Amino acid sequence: MTARIYSPVKTAMQSGSAKTGYWVLEFIPETPRKVEPLMGYTSSADTKTQIRMKFPSKEAAVEYALREGIPYILTPEREKRRRSATYAENFSFGRRQPWTH
């Protein structure tokens, strides 16, 4: 019953910073999922994989795992890349490469 603690990154469809800045504790599946032969659904007998808890900070998530005696794997937060470029820079005269279609 090992848990994974991580901070989710925003999706490719997100331009703002909503739904980021929190930490998640979720359990790693102990048994593999299997396909049900009659309907083709994917099922699992492991109900702990349905639990997903959100915490405001990494310290709060780690403290909860330690207090409850849950072994955990801490995934470090990814470094955020920021590219400061505007649309007008595509057409500037000082471009390194000429603009083409």
C-alpha atoms as a PDB file:
ATOM      1  CA  MET A   1       0.000   0.000   0.000  1.00  0.00           C
ATOM      2  CA  THR A   2       2.598   2.528  -1.106  1.00  0.00           C
ATOM      3  CA  ALA A   3       1.457   6.053  -1.867  1.00  0.00           C
ATOM      4  CA  ARG A   4       2.824   8.536  -4.357  1.00  0.00           C
ATOM      5  CA  ILE A   5       3.050  12.233  -3.453  1.00  0.00           C
ATOM      6  CA  TYR A   6       3.418  14.685  -6.327  1.00  0.00           C
ATOM      7  CA  SER A   7       2.426  18.129  -7.530  1.00  0.00           C
ATOM      8  CA  PRO A   8       0.419  17.928 -10.771  1.00  0.00           C
ATOM      9  CA  VAL A   9       1.514  20.081 -13.687  1.00  0.00           C
ATOM     10  CA  LYS A  10      -0.965  21.949 -15.811  1.00  0.00           C
ATOM     11  CA  THR A  11      -2.249  20.282 -18.935  1.00  0.00           C
ATOM     12  CA  ALA A  12      -1.420  21.346 -22.470  1.00  0.00           C
ATOM     13  CA  MET A  13      -4.876  22.900 -22.756  1.00  0.00           C
ATOM     14  CA  GLN A  14      -4.337  25.156 -19.732  1.00  0.00           C
ATOM     15  CA  SER A  15      -2.990  28.652 -20.164  1.00  0.00           C
ATOM     16  CA  GLY A  16      -3.585  29.914 -16.642  1.00  0.00           C
ATOM     17  CA  SER A  17      -2.418  28.676 -13.287  1.00  0.00           C
ATOM     18  CA  ALA A  18      -5.737  27.281 -12.038  1.00  0.00           C
ATOM     19  CA  LYS A  19      -5.769  23.752 -10.630  1.00  0.00           C
ATOM     20  CA  THR A  20      -2.034  23.915  -9.892  1.00  0.00           C
ATOM     21  CA  GLY A  21      -0.024  24.659  -6.777  1.00  0.00           C
ATOM     22  CA  TYR A  22      -1.283  21.790  -4.631  1.00  0.00           C
ATOM     23  CA  TRP A  23       0.069  18.333  -3.805  1.00  0.00           C
ATOM     24  CA  VAL A  24      -1.664  14.999  -4.347  1.00  0.00           C
ATOM     25  CA  LEU A  25      -1.368  11.754  -2.410  1.00  0.00           C
ATOM     26  CA  GLU A  26      -2.613   8.713  -4.314  1.00  0.00           C
ATOM     27  CA  PHE A  27      -1.973   5.007  -3.884  1.00  0.00           C
ATOM     28  CA  ILE A  28       0.026   2.933  -6.352  1.00  0.00           C
ATOM     29  CA  PRO A  29      -1.976  -0.079  -7.614  1.00  0.00           C
ATOM     30  CA  GLU A  30      -1.006  -3.358  -5.973  1.00  0.00           C
ATOM     31  CA  THR A  31      -2.729  -5.597  -8.522  1.00  0.00           C
ATOM     32  CA  PRO A  32      -2.886  -5.103 -12.284  1.00  0.00           C
ATOM     33  CA  ARG A  33      -6.130  -4.130 -13.965  1.00  0.00           C
ATOM     34  CA  LYS A  34      -7.898  -6.738 -16.045  1.00  0.00           C
ATOM     35  CA  VAL A  35     -10.342  -6.555 -18.919  1.00  0.00           C
ATOM     36  CA  GLU A  36     -13.741  -8.001 -18.184  1.00  0.00           C
ATOM     37  CA  PRO A  37     -14.539 -10.501 -20.969  1.00  0.00           C
ATOM     38  CA  LEU A  38     -18.297  -9.886 -21.199  1.00  0.00           C
ATOM     39  CA  MET A  39     -18.463  -6.101 -21.586  1.00  0.00           C
ATOM     40  CA  GLY A  40     -14.811  -5.200 -22.164  1.00  0.00           C
ATOM     41  CA  TYR A  41     -14.604  -2.911 -19.136  1.00  0.00           C
ATOM     42  CA  THR A  42     -11.312  -2.462 -17.353  1.00  0.00           C
ATOM     43  CA  SER A  43     -11.685  -3.408 -13.709  1.00  0.00           C
ATOM     44  CA  SER A  44      -9.599  -3.839 -10.619  1.00  0.00           C
ATOM     45  CA  ALA A  45     -10.155  -5.342  -7.198  1.00  0.00           C
ATOM     46  CA  ASP A  46      -7.862  -2.730  -5.644  1.00  0.00           C
ATOM     47  CA  THR A  47     -10.155   0.015  -4.306  1.00  0.00           C
ATOM     48  CA  LYS A  48      -7.330   2.096  -2.843  1.00  0.00           C
ATOM     49  CA  THR A  49      -6.478   3.409  -6.328  1.00  0.00           C
ATOM     50  CA  GLN A  50      -9.731   5.399  -6.231  1.00  0.00           C
ATOM     51  CA  ILE A  51      -8.466   7.522  -3.324  1.00  0.00           C
ATOM     52  CA  ARG A  52      -6.881  10.819  -4.317  1.00  0.00           C
ATOM     53  CA  MET A  53      -6.255  13.379  -1.571  1.00  0.00           C
ATOM     54  CA  LYS A  54      -5.198  16.983  -2.161  1.00  0.00           C
ATOM     55  CA  PHE A  55      -2.960  18.937   0.212  1.00  0.00           C
ATOM     56  CA  PRO A  56      -1.962  22.607   0.171  1.00  0.00           C
ATOM     57  CA  SER A  57       1.748  21.838   0.596  1.00  0.00           C
ATOM     58  CA  LYS A  58       4.284  19.041   0.267  1.00  0.00           C
ATOM     59  CA  GLU A  59       4.948  19.120   3.995  1.00  0.00           C
ATOM     60  CA  ALA A  60       1.261  18.578   4.789  1.00  0.00           C
ATOM     61  CA  ALA A  61       1.076  15.533   2.494  1.00  0.00           C
ATOM     62  CA  VAL A  62       4.254  14.000   3.935  1.00  0.00           C
ATOM     63  CA  GLU A  63       3.070  14.696   7.485  1.00  0.00           C
ATOM     64  CA  TYR A  64      -0.228  12.927   6.773  1.00  0.00           C
ATOM     65  CA  ALA A  65       1.552   9.880   5.320  1.00  0.00           C
ATOM     66  CA  LEU A  66       3.893   9.666   8.318  1.00  0.00           C
ATOM     67  CA  ARG A  67       1.055  10.120  10.808  1.00  0.00           C
ATOM     68  CA  GLU A  68      -1.016   7.331   9.189  1.00  0.00           C
ATOM     69  CA  GLY A  69       1.986   5.025   8.707  1.00  0.00           C
ATOM     70  CA  ILE A  70       1.714   5.002   4.905  1.00  0.00           C
ATOM     71  CA  PRO A  71       4.965   4.343   3.019  1.00  0.00           C
ATOM     72  CA  TYR A  72       5.325   6.947   0.276  1.00  0.00           C
ATOM     73  CA  ILE A  73       7.373   7.913  -2.752  1.00  0.00           C
ATOM     74  CA  LEU A  74       7.954  11.643  -3.105  1.00  0.00           C
ATOM     75  CA  THR A  75       8.160  12.923  -6.683  1.00  0.00           C
ATOM     76  CA  PRO A  76       9.993  16.262  -6.807  1.00  0.00           C
ATOM     77  CA  GLU A  77       8.199  19.244  -8.267  1.00  0.00           C
ATOM     78  CA  ARG A  78       9.043  19.937 -11.887  1.00  0.00           C
ATOM     79  CA  GLU A  79      10.754  23.152 -12.743  1.00  0.00           C
ATOM     80  CA  LYS A  80       8.431  25.541 -14.542  1.00  0.00           C
ATOM     81  CA  ARG A  81       9.658  26.767 -17.880  1.00  0.00           C
ATOM     82  CA  ARG A  82       8.711  30.259 -18.893  1.00  0.00           C
ATOM     83  CA  ARG A  83       9.306  31.656 -22.281  1.00  0.00           C
ATOM     84  CA  SER A  84       8.903  35.406 -22.370  1.00  0.00           C
ATOM     85  CA  ALA A  85       8.018  36.044 -25.968  1.00  0.00           C
ATOM     86  CA  THR A  86       5.300  38.049 -27.595  1.00  0.00           C
ATOM     87  CA  TYR A  87       3.547  37.584 -30.884  1.00  0.00           C
ATOM     88  CA  ALA A  88       5.218  40.712 -32.264  1.00  0.00           C
ATOM     89  CA  GLU A  89       8.641  39.105 -31.847  1.00  0.00           C
ATOM     90  CA  ASN A  90       7.767  36.758 -34.700  1.00  0.00           C
ATOM     91  CA  PHE A  91       7.982  39.688 -37.114  1.00  0.00           C
ATOM     92  CA  SER A  92      10.824  41.736 -35.618  1.00  0.00           C
ATOM     93  CA  PHE A  93      13.849  42.734 -37.699  1.00  0.00           C
ATOM     94  CA  GLY A  94      16.276  41.396 -35.095  1.00  0.00           C
ATOM     95  CA  ARG A  95      15.219  37.756 -35.493  1.00  0.00           C
ATOM     96  CA  ARG A  96      17.998  35.188 -35.631  1.00  0.00           C
ATOM     97  CA  GLN A  97      16.292  33.295 -38.428  1.00  0.00           C
ATOM     98  CA  PRO A  98      14.233  34.851 -41.195  1.00  0.00           C
ATOM     99  CA  TRP A  99      10.496  34.498 -40.887  1.00  0.00           C
ATOM    100  CA  THR A 100       8.952  32.082 -43.362  1.00  0.00           C
ATOM    101  CA  HIS A 101       5.515  30.605 -43.823  1.00  0.00           C
END
